[in-house]
Amino acid sequence: MLQQAGLTVLMRNYRCRAGEIDIVACDFELLVIAEVRLRSRAEFGGAAASITAAKRARIVRATRYLQRCRPALSHLPVRFDVLLLHAAGGPIEWIRSAFFT
């Protein structure tokens, strides 16, 4: 989906001691950090509700760590996106700029 939209996927499932990033991509001169969430049932608010403030903070920490470790990425502005799957194999909802730091 991201590649079809013209983004270049750099990494998937990046893990570091600061946390985990599901997808790291570039959109021209913009670093895109994408969190993928799947919730098959909406009883507890669905996929979007599962991205808590604590989860966002871990994603931001992992992104800062990534930028420190990879100087080529350190100067790029960052956009945080969310890819929501409401059922396995179902349509994907792409929320650009889902949250800010």
Protein backbone atom coordinates (compact mmCIF):
# COMPACT_ATOMS: atom_id res chain seq x y z
CA MET A 1 0.00 0.00 0.00
CA LEU A 2 2.72 2.50 0.96
CA GLN A 3 4.84 1.57 -2.06
CA GLN A 4 1.84 1.93 -4.36
CA ALA A 5 1.45 5.47 -3.01
CA GLY A 6 5.04 6.29 -3.96
CA LEU A 7 6.77 5.80 -0.60
CA THR A 8 10.04 3.90 -0.32
CA VAL A 9 9.94 1.33 2.47
CA LEU A 10 13.31 1.33 4.24
CA MET A 11 12.66 -1.13 7.08
CA ARG A 12 10.00 -3.34 8.56
CA ASN A 13 9.79 -4.35 12.22
CA TYR A 14 12.69 -2.17 13.35
CA ARG A 15 13.53 -3.07 16.95
CA CYS A 16 15.83 -1.30 19.35
CA ARG A 17 16.08 -0.90 23.09
CA ALA A 18 13.80 2.15 22.88
CA GLY A 19 10.94 0.24 21.25
CA GLU A 20 9.69 -1.04 17.92
CA ILE A 21 8.61 0.58 14.66
CA ASP A 22 6.44 -1.45 12.31
CA ILE A 23 7.37 0.35 9.08
CA VAL A 24 10.01 2.98 8.30
CA ALA A 25 9.56 4.66 4.92
CA CYS A 26 10.53 7.79 3.00
CA ASP A 27 8.17 10.08 1.17
CA PHE A 28 10.60 12.28 -0.77
CA GLU A 29 12.42 14.20 1.99
CA LEU A 30 10.09 13.06 4.78
CA LEU A 31 10.62 10.13 7.13
CA VAL A 32 7.35 8.23 7.56
CA ILE A 33 6.92 6.06 10.65
CA ALA A 34 3.91 3.77 10.27
CA GLU A 35 2.25 1.83 13.05
CA VAL A 36 0.14 -1.12 11.92
CA ARG A 37 -2.78 -2.09 14.14
CA LEU A 38 -5.20 -4.99 13.76
CA ARG A 39 -8.31 -5.44 15.83
CA SER A 40 -10.78 -8.05 14.71
CA ARG A 41 -13.38 -6.90 17.24
CA ALA A 42 -14.42 -3.37 18.15
CA GLU A 43 -15.49 -4.14 21.71
CA PHE A 44 -12.63 -2.13 23.21
CA GLY A 45 -12.63 0.74 20.75
CA GLY A 46 -11.18 -0.89 17.65
CA ALA A 47 -7.72 -0.63 16.16
CA ALA A 48 -7.36 3.14 16.50
CA ALA A 49 -8.15 3.07 20.22
CA SER A 50 -5.32 0.62 20.80
CA ILE A 51 -2.73 3.33 20.09
CA THR A 52 -2.49 4.76 23.57
CA ALA A 53 -0.38 7.70 24.74
CA ALA A 54 2.18 5.22 26.10
CA LYS A 55 2.34 3.43 22.73
CA ARG A 56 2.82 6.74 20.91
CA ALA A 57 5.61 7.67 23.33
CA ARG A 58 7.41 4.36 22.66
CA ILE A 59 7.14 4.92 18.90
CA VAL A 60 8.56 8.43 19.24
CA ARG A 61 11.44 7.17 21.43
CA ALA A 62 12.26 4.43 18.94
CA THR A 63 12.17 6.97 16.10
CA ARG A 64 14.58 9.29 17.90
CA TYR A 65 16.89 6.34 18.56
CA LEU A 66 16.72 5.34 14.89
CA GLN A 67 17.61 8.86 13.80
CA ARG A 68 20.57 8.97 16.20
CA CYS A 69 21.87 5.63 14.92
CA ARG A 70 21.33 6.41 11.23
CA PRO A 71 22.80 9.84 10.43
CA ALA A 72 21.32 9.76 6.91
CA LEU A 73 17.85 9.89 8.52
CA SER A 74 18.65 12.37 11.29
CA HIS A 75 17.92 15.52 9.28
CA LEU A 76 14.57 14.39 7.90
CA PRO A 77 11.30 15.71 9.32
CA VAL A 78 9.06 12.91 10.62
CA ARG A 79 5.42 12.06 9.97
CA PHE A 80 3.66 9.44 12.10
CA ASP A 81 1.05 7.43 10.21
CA VAL A 82 -1.23 4.61 11.30
CA LEU A 83 -2.48 1.71 9.18
CA LEU A 84 -5.66 0.26 10.65
CA LEU A 85 -6.95 -3.20 9.81
CA HIS A 86 -10.35 -3.91 11.26
CA ALA A 87 -10.34 -7.57 10.19
CA ALA A 88 -7.65 -9.87 8.83
CA GLY A 89 -7.66 -9.56 5.06
CA GLY A 90 -10.04 -6.62 5.17
CA PRO A 91 -9.54 -3.10 3.85
CA ILE A 92 -6.74 -0.97 5.28
CA GLU A 93 -7.46 2.52 6.59
CA TRP A 94 -4.38 4.75 6.23
CA ILE A 95 -4.32 7.73 8.58
CA ARG A 96 -1.55 10.14 7.61
CA SER A 97 -0.19 12.41 10.35
CA ALA A 98 -2.10 10.41 12.94
CA PHE A 99 -0.22 11.97 15.82
CA PHE A 100 2.48 14.54 16.47
CA THR A 101 5.37 14.90 18.88
